[in-house]
Amino acid sequence: MTDQYDINKLIAEAKKDLPPGADDVPLLGQQVPVLQGIPVNGGLMTIHDLVKLTEEEFRELFLATVISMTGAMYSPAPPPAEDLDSDEQE
């Protein structure tokens, strides 16, 4: 392996500009969360909110997430129209 790709050297070079202690890994339970929840409709949806969703709501949220990851904008489909033929047959 060449010195150019020596992993220990690359790690040391990456850490040299960090302040002391910045490269330490916090112990379990001491991490500071970076993301408090998923931004949905102008608010934050936490894991507790996700658990409360119905299956249909979760599927819609999942679809909206995938669509937004592609750079597109999600717009929910209109509710299905009532069966108009049933009124005519009566």
PDB file of N, CA and C in Angstrom:
ATOM      1  N   MET A   1       0.847  -1.171   0.000  1.00  0.00           N
ATOM      2  CA  MET A   1       0.000   0.000   0.000  1.00  0.00           C
ATOM      3  C   MET A   1       0.895   1.238   0.000  1.00  0.00           C
ATOM      4  N   THR A   2       0.515   2.201  -0.797  1.00  0.00           N
ATOM      5  CA  THR A   2       1.322   3.414  -0.858  1.00  0.00           C
ATOM      6  C   THR A   2       0.998   4.330   0.317  1.00  0.00           C
ATOM      7  N   ASP A   3       1.920   5.228   0.600  1.00  0.00           N
ATOM      8  CA  ASP A   3       1.752   6.166   1.698  1.00  0.00           C
ATOM      9  C   ASP A   3       0.555   7.090   1.445  1.00  0.00           C
ATOM     10  N   GLN A   4       0.230   7.312   0.171  1.00  0.00           N
ATOM     11  CA  GLN A   4      -0.882   8.186  -0.204  1.00  0.00           C
ATOM     12  C   GLN A   4      -2.210   7.650   0.318  1.00  0.00           C
ATOM     13  N   TYR A   5      -2.365   6.326   0.400  1.00  0.00           N
ATOM     14  CA  TYR A   5      -3.616   5.711   0.821  1.00  0.00           C
ATOM     15  C   TYR A   5      -3.535   5.083   2.208  1.00  0.00           C
ATOM     16  N   ASP A   6      -2.549   5.449   3.021  1.00  0.00           N
ATOM     17  CA  ASP A   6      -2.414   4.935   4.381  1.00  0.00           C
ATOM     18  C   ASP A   6      -3.551   5.507   5.230  1.00  0.00           C
ATOM     19  N   ILE A   7      -4.449   4.621   5.696  1.00  0.00           N
ATOM     20  CA  ILE A   7      -5.640   5.076   6.406  1.00  0.00           C
ATOM     21  C   ILE A   7      -5.304   5.815   7.696  1.00  0.00           C
ATOM     22  N   ASN A   8      -4.297   5.343   8.414  1.00  0.00           N
ATOM     23  CA  ASN A   8      -3.914   6.023   9.659  1.00  0.00           C
ATOM     24  C   ASN A   8      -3.406   7.428   9.387  1.00  0.00           C
ATOM     25  N   LYS A   9      -2.676   7.600   8.309  1.00  0.00           N
ATOM     26  CA  LYS A   9      -2.172   8.930   7.946  1.00  0.00           C
ATOM     27  C   LYS A   9      -3.332   9.835   7.535  1.00  0.00           C
ATOM     28  N   LEU A  10      -4.284   9.299   6.775  1.00  0.00           N
ATOM     29  CA  LEU A  10      -5.429  10.097   6.347  1.00  0.00           C
ATOM     30  C   LEU A  10      -6.273  10.537   7.543  1.00  0.00           C
ATOM     31  N   ILE A  11      -6.474   9.640   8.513  1.00  0.00           N
ATOM     32  CA  ILE A  11      -7.243   9.989   9.706  1.00  0.00           C
ATOM     33  C   ILE A  11      -6.520  11.052  10.516  1.00  0.00           C
ATOM     34  N   ALA A  12      -5.209  10.892  10.676  1.00  0.00           N
ATOM     35  CA  ALA A  12      -4.419  11.873  11.433  1.00  0.00           C
ATOM     36  C   ALA A  12      -4.476  13.247  10.775  1.00  0.00           C
ATOM     37  N   GLU A  13      -4.402  13.291   9.465  1.00  0.00           N
ATOM     38  CA  GLU A  13      -4.473  14.570   8.755  1.00  0.00           C
ATOM     39  C   GLU A  13      -5.850  15.209   8.900  1.00  0.00           C
ATOM     40  N   ALA A  14      -6.889  14.391   8.898  1.00  0.00           N
ATOM     41  CA  ALA A  14      -8.243  14.924   9.037  1.00  0.00           C
ATOM     42  C   ALA A  14      -8.475  15.490  10.435  1.00  0.00           C
ATOM     43  N   LYS A  15      -7.838  14.897  11.440  1.00  0.00           N
ATOM     44  CA  LYS A  15      -8.042  15.317  12.823  1.00  0.00           C
ATOM     45  C   LYS A  15      -7.157  16.485  13.244  1.00  0.00           C
ATOM     46  N   LYS A  16      -6.130  16.811  12.484  1.00  0.00           N
ATOM     47  CA  LYS A  16      -5.157  17.802  12.956  1.00  0.00           C
ATOM     48  C   LYS A  16      -5.749  19.194  13.137  1.00  0.00           C
ATOM     49  N   ASP A  17      -6.804  19.557  12.411  1.00  0.00           N
ATOM     50  CA  ASP A  17      -7.385  20.891  12.523  1.00  0.00           C
ATOM     51  C   ASP A  17      -8.556  20.943  13.509  1.00  0.00           C
ATOM     52  N   LEU A  18      -8.932  19.801  14.096  1.00  0.00           N
ATOM     53  CA  LEU A  18     -10.043  19.776  15.041  1.00  0.00           C
ATOM     54  C   LEU A  18      -9.587  20.276  16.408  1.00  0.00           C
ATOM     55  N   PRO A  19     -10.492  20.933  17.156  1.00  0.00           N
ATOM     56  CA  PRO A  19     -10.128  21.339  18.515  1.00  0.00           C
ATOM     57  C   PRO A  19      -9.965  20.104  19.400  1.00  0.00           C
ATOM     58  N   PRO A  20      -9.228  20.201  20.487  1.00  0.00           N
ATOM     59  CA  PRO A  20      -9.013  19.048  21.361  1.00  0.00           C
ATOM     60  C   PRO A  20     -10.339  18.491  21.879  1.00  0.00           C
ATOM     61  N   GLY A  21     -10.471  17.172  21.831  1.00  0.00           N
ATOM     62  CA  GLY A  21     -11.678  16.506  22.310  1.00  0.00           C
ATOM     63  C   GLY A  21     -12.781  16.394  21.280  1.00  0.00           C
ATOM     64  N   ALA A  22     -12.660  17.074  20.150  1.00  0.00           N
ATOM     65  CA  ALA A  22     -13.711  17.045  19.135  1.00  0.00           C
ATOM     66  C   ALA A  22     -13.779  15.707  18.416  1.00  0.00           C
ATOM     67  N   ASP A  23     -12.694  14.950  18.462  1.00  0.00           N
ATOM     68  CA  ASP A  23     -12.689  13.675  17.763  1.00  0.00           C
ATOM     69  C   ASP A  23     -13.122  12.522  18.665  1.00  0.00           C
ATOM     70  N   ASP A  24     -13.471  12.825  19.929  1.00  0.00           N
ATOM     71  CA  ASP A  24     -13.929  11.780  20.831  1.00  0.00           C
ATOM     72  C   ASP A  24     -15.351  11.369  20.477  1.00  0.00           C
ATOM     73  N   VAL A  25     -15.648  10.108  20.656  1.00  0.00           N
ATOM     74  CA  VAL A  25     -16.995   9.593  20.414  1.00  0.00           C
ATOM     75  C   VAL A  25     -17.743   9.632  21.743  1.00  0.00           C
ATOM     76  N   PRO A  26     -18.907  10.294  21.797  1.00  0.00           N
ATOM     77  CA  PRO A  26     -19.635  10.356  23.063  1.00  0.00           C
ATOM     78  C   PRO A  26     -20.153   8.977  23.468  1.00  0.00           C
ATOM     79  N   LEU A  27     -20.271   8.769  24.759  1.00  0.00           N
ATOM     80  CA  LEU A  27     -20.795   7.511  25.274  1.00  0.00           C
ATOM     81  C   LEU A  27     -22.290   7.420  24.995  1.00  0.00           C
ATOM     82  N   LEU A  28     -22.799   6.197  24.977  1.00  0.00           N
ATOM     83  CA  LEU A  28     -24.215   5.968  24.727  1.00  0.00           C
ATOM     84  C   LEU A  28     -25.053   6.749  25.736  1.00  0.00           C
ATOM     85  N   GLY A  29     -26.042   7.453  25.262  1.00  0.00           N
ATOM     86  CA  GLY A  29     -26.895   8.253  26.131  1.00  0.00           C
ATOM     87  C   GLY A  29     -26.396   9.670  26.321  1.00  0.00           C
ATOM     88  N   GLN A  30     -25.197   9.992  25.838  1.00  0.00           N
ATOM     89  CA  GLN A  30     -24.653  11.332  25.983  1.00  0.00           C
ATOM     90  C   GLN A  30     -24.607  12.083  24.655  1.00  0.00           C
ATOM     91  N   GLN A  31     -25.096  11.457  23.598  1.00  0.00           N
ATOM     92  CA  GLN A  31     -25.082  12.121  22.304  1.00  0.00           C
ATOM     93  C   GLN A  31     -26.128  13.235  22.281  1.00  0.00           C
ATOM     94  N   VAL A  32     -25.823  14.280  21.566  1.00  0.00           N
ATOM     95  CA  VAL A  32     -26.763  15.375  21.389  1.00  0.00           C
ATOM     96  C   VAL A  32     -27.468  15.151  20.054  1.00  0.00           C
ATOM     97  N   PRO A  33     -28.798  15.060  20.066  1.00  0.00           N
ATOM     98  CA  PRO A  33     -29.486  14.806  18.798  1.00  0.00           C
ATOM     99  C   PRO A  33     -29.321  15.971  17.828  1.00  0.00           C
ATOM    100  N   VAL A  34     -29.108  15.645  16.594  1.00  0.00           N
ATOM    101  CA  VAL A  34     -28.966  16.664  15.565  1.00  0.00           C
ATOM    102  C   VAL A  34     -30.336  16.993  14.974  1.00  0.00           C
ATOM    103  N   LEU A  35     -31.154  15.970  14.825  1.00  0.00           N
ATOM    104  CA  LEU A  35     -32.482  16.136  14.244  1.00  0.00           C
ATOM    105  C   LEU A  35     -33.515  15.741  15.284  1.00  0.00           C
ATOM    106  N   GLN A  36     -34.393  16.653  15.630  1.00  0.00           N
ATOM    107  CA  GLN A  36     -35.405  16.387  16.651  1.00  0.00           C
ATOM    108  C   GLN A  36     -36.619  15.655  16.086  1.00  0.00           C
ATOM    109  N   GLY A  37     -36.813  15.716  14.783  1.00  0.00           N
ATOM    110  CA  GLY A  37     -37.957  15.077  14.158  1.00  0.00           C
ATOM    111  C   GLY A  37     -37.956  15.363  12.665  1.00  0.00           C
ATOM    112  N   ILE A  38     -38.994  14.895  12.011  1.00  0.00           N
ATOM    113  CA  ILE A  38     -39.136  15.100  10.569  1.00  0.00           C
ATOM    114  C   ILE A  38     -39.994  16.345  10.344  1.00  0.00           C
ATOM    115  N   PRO A  39     -39.531  17.302   9.539  1.00  0.00           N
ATOM    116  CA  PRO A  39     -40.366  18.476   9.276  1.00  0.00           C
ATOM    117  C   PRO A  39     -41.566  18.103   8.413  1.00  0.00           C
ATOM    118  N   VAL A  40     -42.752  18.271   8.974  1.00  0.00           N
ATOM    119  CA  VAL A  40     -43.996  17.953   8.272  1.00  0.00           C
ATOM    120  C   VAL A  40     -45.003  19.065   8.534  1.00  0.00           C
ATOM    121  N   ASN A  41     -45.540  19.635   7.492  1.00  0.00           N
ATOM    122  CA  ASN A  41     -46.584  20.663   7.577  1.00  0.00           C
ATOM    123  C   ASN A  41     -46.227  21.800   8.538  1.00  0.00           C
ATOM    124  N   GLY A  42     -45.011  22.276   8.481  1.00  0.00           N
ATOM    125  CA  GLY A  42     -44.596  23.410   9.293  1.00  0.00           C
ATOM    126  C   GLY A  42     -44.254  23.062  10.732  1.00  0.00           C
ATOM    127  N   GLY A  43     -44.277  21.792  11.094  1.00  0.00           N
ATOM    128  CA  GLY A  43     -43.925  21.373  12.453  1.00  0.00           C
ATOM    129  C   GLY A  43     -42.939  20.223  12.397  1.00  0.00           C
ATOM    130  N   LEU A  44     -42.590  19.704  13.567  1.00  0.00           N
ATOM    131  CA  LEU A  44     -41.696  18.558  13.629  1.00  0.00           C
ATOM    132  C   LEU A  44     -42.480  17.334  14.064  1.00  0.00           C
ATOM    133  N   MET A  45     -42.369  16.260  13.301  1.00  0.00           N
ATOM    134  CA  MET A  45     -43.039  15.004  13.634  1.00  0.00           C
ATOM    135  C   MET A  45     -42.008  14.090  14.275  1.00  0.00           C
ATOM    136  N   THR A  46     -42.249  13.731  15.531  1.00  0.00           N
ATOM    137  CA  THR A  46     -41.318  12.874  16.258  1.00  0.00           C
ATOM    138  C   THR A  46     -41.672  11.409  16.035  1.00  0.00           C
ATOM    139  N   ILE A  47     -40.858  10.534  16.573  1.00  0.00           N
ATOM    140  CA  ILE A  47     -41.118   9.103  16.457  1.00  0.00           C
ATOM    141  C   ILE A  47     -42.442   8.754  17.128  1.00  0.00           C
ATOM    142  N   HIS A  48     -42.791   9.455  18.185  1.00  0.00           N
ATOM    143  CA  HIS A  48     -44.060   9.204  18.867  1.00  0.00           C
ATOM    144  C   HIS A  48     -45.242   9.549  17.960  1.00  0.00           C
ATOM    145  N   ASP A  49     -45.100  10.612  17.178  1.00  0.00           N
ATOM    146  CA  ASP A  49     -46.143  10.985  16.220  1.00  0.00           C
ATOM    147  C   ASP A  49     -46.241   9.952  15.108  1.00  0.00           C
ATOM    148  N   LEU A  50     -45.102   9.433  14.668  1.00  0.00           N
ATOM    149  CA  LEU A  50     -45.103   8.418  13.609  1.00  0.00           C
ATOM    150  C   LEU A  50     -45.824   7.149  14.049  1.00  0.00           C
ATOM    151  N   VAL A  51     -45.629   6.759  15.295  1.00  0.00           N
ATOM    152  CA  VAL A  51     -46.263   5.545  15.803  1.00  0.00           C
ATOM    153  C   VAL A  51     -47.784   5.693  15.827  1.00  0.00           C
ATOM    154  N   LYS A  52     -48.276   6.901  16.036  1.00  0.00           N
ATOM    155  CA  LYS A  52     -49.710   7.147  16.115  1.00  0.00           C
ATOM    156  C   LYS A  52     -50.397   7.183  14.752  1.00  0.00           C
ATOM    157  N   LEU A  53     -49.624   7.249  13.661  1.00  0.00           N
ATOM    158  CA  LEU A  53     -50.215   7.329  12.328  1.00  0.00           C
ATOM    159  C   LEU A  53     -50.945   6.052  11.960  1.00  0.00           C
ATOM    160  N   THR A  54     -52.019   6.200  11.193  1.00  0.00           N
ATOM    161  CA  THR A  54     -52.677   5.021  10.639  1.00  0.00           C
ATOM    162  C   THR A  54     -51.801   4.490   9.511  1.00  0.00           C
ATOM    163  N   GLU A  55     -52.108   3.295   9.048  1.00  0.00           N
ATOM    164  CA  GLU A  55     -51.306   2.722   7.965  1.00  0.00           C
ATOM    165  C   GLU A  55     -51.397   3.584   6.707  1.00  0.00           C
ATOM    166  N   GLU A  56     -52.570   4.089   6.419  1.00  0.00           N
ATOM    167  CA  GLU A  56     -52.744   4.933   5.224  1.00  0.00           C
ATOM    168  C   GLU A  56     -51.953   6.235   5.349  1.00  0.00           C
ATOM    169  N   GLU A  57     -51.969   6.862   6.534  1.00  0.00           N
ATOM    170  CA  GLU A  57     -51.213   8.096   6.750  1.00  0.00           C
ATOM    171  C   GLU A  57     -49.712   7.839   6.644  1.00  0.00           C
ATOM    172  N   PHE A  58     -49.254   6.711   7.188  1.00  0.00           N
ATOM    173  CA  PHE A  58     -47.842   6.380   7.111  1.00  0.00           C
ATOM    174  C   PHE A  58     -47.411   6.164   5.668  1.00  0.00           C
ATOM    175  N   ARG A  59     -48.246   5.459   4.892  1.00  0.00           N
ATOM    176  CA  ARG A  59     -47.916   5.232   3.475  1.00  0.00           C
ATOM    177  C   ARG A  59     -47.828   6.552   2.715  1.00  0.00           C
ATOM    178  N   GLU A  60     -48.735   7.483   3.020  1.00  0.00           N
ATOM    179  CA  GLU A  60     -48.706   8.781   2.350  1.00  0.00           C
ATOM    180  C   GLU A  60     -47.448   9.557   2.744  1.00  0.00           C
ATOM    181  N   LEU A  61     -47.074   9.514   4.029  1.00  0.00           N
ATOM    182  CA  LEU A  61     -45.859  10.184   4.484  1.00  0.00           C
ATOM    183  C   LEU A  61     -44.634   9.573   3.821  1.00  0.00           C
ATOM    184  N   PHE A  62     -44.595   8.250   3.725  1.00  0.00           N
ATOM    185  CA  PHE A  62     -43.479   7.562   3.081  1.00  0.00           C
ATOM    186  C   PHE A  62     -43.377   7.985   1.618  1.00  0.00           C
ATOM    187  N   LEU A  63     -44.494   8.006   0.913  1.00  0.00           N
ATOM    188  CA  LEU A  63     -44.507   8.413  -0.491  1.00  0.00           C
ATOM    189  C   LEU A  63     -44.049   9.863  -0.638  1.00  0.00           C
ATOM    190  N   ALA A  64     -44.525  10.736   0.241  1.00  0.00           N
ATOM    191  CA  ALA A  64     -44.130  12.142   0.189  1.00  0.00           C
ATOM    192  C   ALA A  64     -42.634  12.296   0.432  1.00  0.00           C
ATOM    193  N   THR A  65     -42.082  11.485   1.347  1.00  0.00           N
ATOM    194  CA  THR A  65     -40.651  11.540   1.635  1.00  0.00           C
ATOM    195  C   THR A  65     -39.830  11.121   0.435  1.00  0.00           C
ATOM    196  N   VAL A  66     -40.233  10.027  -0.210  1.00  0.00           N
ATOM    197  CA  VAL A  66     -39.508   9.549  -1.388  1.00  0.00           C
ATOM    198  C   VAL A  66     -39.572  10.589  -2.502  1.00  0.00           C
ATOM    199  N   ILE A  67     -40.736  11.168  -2.708  1.00  0.00           N
ATOM    200  CA  ILE A  67     -40.898  12.176  -3.768  1.00  0.00           C
ATOM    201  C   ILE A  67     -40.031  13.400  -3.477  1.00  0.00           C
ATOM    202  N   SER A  68     -39.991  13.850  -2.203  1.00  0.00           N
ATOM    203  CA  SER A  68     -39.189  15.029  -1.886  1.00  0.00           C
ATOM    204  C   SER A  68     -37.699  14.739  -2.011  1.00  0.00           C
ATOM    205  N   MET A  69     -37.290  13.489  -1.791  1.00  0.00           N
ATOM    206  CA  MET A  69     -35.874  13.143  -1.949  1.00  0.00           C
ATOM    207  C   MET A  69     -35.445  13.227  -3.413  1.00  0.00           C
ATOM    208  N   THR A  70     -36.376  13.095  -4.330  1.00  0.00           N
ATOM    209  CA  THR A  70     -36.053  13.211  -5.748  1.00  0.00           C
ATOM    210  C   THR A  70     -35.998  14.661  -6.197  1.00  0.00           C
ATOM    211  N   GLY A  71     -36.392  15.581  -5.305  1.00  0.00           N
ATOM    212  CA  GLY A  71     -36.380  16.999  -5.642  1.00  0.00           C
ATOM    213  C   GLY A  71     -37.721  17.502  -6.115  1.00  0.00           C
ATOM    214  N   ALA A  72     -38.708  16.623  -6.173  1.00  0.00           N
ATOM    215  CA  ALA A  72     -40.042  17.024  -6.603  1.00  0.00           C
ATOM    216  C   ALA A  72     -40.862  17.480  -5.401  1.00  0.00           C
ATOM    217  N   MET A  73     -42.037  18.001  -5.655  1.00  0.00           N
ATOM    218  CA  MET A  73     -42.917  18.440  -4.581  1.00  0.00           C
ATOM    219  C   MET A  73     -44.143  17.536  -4.541  1.00  0.00           C
ATOM    220  N   TYR A  74     -44.454  17.037  -3.355  1.00  0.00           N
ATOM    221  CA  TYR A  74     -45.583  16.123  -3.185  1.00  0.00           C
ATOM    222  C   TYR A  74     -46.874  16.907  -3.011  1.00  0.00           C
ATOM    223  N   SER A  75     -47.891  16.484  -3.705  1.00  0.00           N
ATOM    224  CA  SER A  75     -49.224  17.033  -3.554  1.00  0.00           C
ATOM    225  C   SER A  75     -50.175  15.857  -3.403  1.00  0.00           C
ATOM    226  N   PRO A  76     -50.915  15.794  -2.304  1.00  0.00           N
ATOM    227  CA  PRO A  76     -51.790  14.643  -2.112  1.00  0.00           C
ATOM    228  C   PRO A  76     -52.867  14.573  -3.185  1.00  0.00           C
ATOM    229  N   ALA A  77     -53.213  13.362  -3.536  1.00  0.00           N
ATOM    230  CA  ALA A  77     -54.268  13.144  -4.533  1.00  0.00           C
ATOM    231  C   ALA A  77     -55.613  13.519  -3.921  1.00  0.00           C
ATOM    232  N   PRO A  78     -56.552  13.963  -4.756  1.00  0.00           N
ATOM    233  CA  PRO A  78     -57.877  14.273  -4.223  1.00  0.00           C
ATOM    234  C   PRO A  78     -58.543  12.983  -3.741  1.00  0.00           C
ATOM    235  N   PRO A  79     -59.472  13.101  -2.798  1.00  0.00           N
ATOM    236  CA  PRO A  79     -60.142  11.891  -2.333  1.00  0.00           C
ATOM    237  C   PRO A  79     -60.901  11.241  -3.483  1.00  0.00           C
ATOM    238  N   PRO A  80     -61.063   9.922  -3.452  1.00  0.00           N
ATOM    239  CA  PRO A  80     -61.748   9.253  -4.551  1.00  0.00           C
ATOM    240  C   PRO A  80     -63.196   9.737  -4.655  1.00  0.00           C
ATOM    241  N   ALA A  81     -63.647   9.917  -5.881  1.00  0.00           N
ATOM    242  CA  ALA A  81     -65.022  10.376  -6.122  1.00  0.00           C
ATOM    243  C   ALA A  81     -65.980   9.259  -5.747  1.00  0.00           C
ATOM    244  N   GLU A  82     -67.156   9.649  -5.251  1.00  0.00           N
ATOM    245  CA  GLU A  82     -68.161   8.650  -4.915  1.00  0.00           C
ATOM    246  C   GLU A  82     -68.671   8.019  -6.201  1.00  0.00           C
ATOM    247  N   ASP A  83     -69.132   6.815  -6.080  1.00  0.00           N
ATOM    248  CA  ASP A  83     -69.618   6.078  -7.247  1.00  0.00           C
ATOM    249  C   ASP A  83     -70.905   6.719  -7.744  1.00  0.00           C
ATOM    250  N   LEU A  84     -70.846   7.427  -8.866  1.00  0.00           N
ATOM    251  CA  LEU A  84     -72.001   8.120  -9.414  1.00  0.00           C
ATOM    252  C   LEU A  84     -72.987   7.170 -10.070  1.00  0.00           C
ATOM    253  N   ASP A  85     -72.537   6.026 -10.517  1.00  0.00           N
ATOM    254  CA  ASP A  85     -73.407   5.057 -11.163  1.00  0.00           C
ATOM    255  C   ASP A  85     -74.418   4.455 -10.188  1.00  0.00           C
ATOM    256  N   SER A  86     -74.107   4.396  -8.916  1.00  0.00           N
ATOM    257  CA  SER A  86     -75.008   3.777  -7.951  1.00  0.00           C
ATOM    258  C   SER A  86     -76.299   4.586  -7.808  1.00  0.00           C
ATOM    259  N   ASP A  87     -76.251   5.924  -7.941  1.00  0.00           N
ATOM    260  CA  ASP A  87     -77.453   6.749  -7.858  1.00  0.00           C
ATOM    261  C   ASP A  87     -78.336   6.544  -9.076  1.00  0.00           C
ATOM    262  N   GLU A  88     -77.743   6.344 -10.225  1.00  0.00           N
ATOM    263  CA  GLU A  88     -78.518   6.182 -11.452  1.00  0.00           C
ATOM    264  C   GLU A  88     -79.216   4.834 -11.498  1.00  0.00           C
ATOM    265  N   GLN A  89     -78.639   3.816 -10.888  1.00  0.00           N
ATOM    266  CA  GLN A  89     -79.216   2.483 -10.961  1.00  0.00           C
ATOM    267  C   GLN A  89     -80.390   2.322 -10.014  1.00  0.00           C
ATOM    268  N   GLU A  90     -80.538   3.159  -9.011  1.00  0.00           N
ATOM    269  CA  GLU A  90     -81.627   3.025  -8.038  1.00  0.00           C
ATOM    270  C   GLU A  90     -82.939   3.482  -8.582  1.00  0.00           C
TER     271      GLU A  90
END
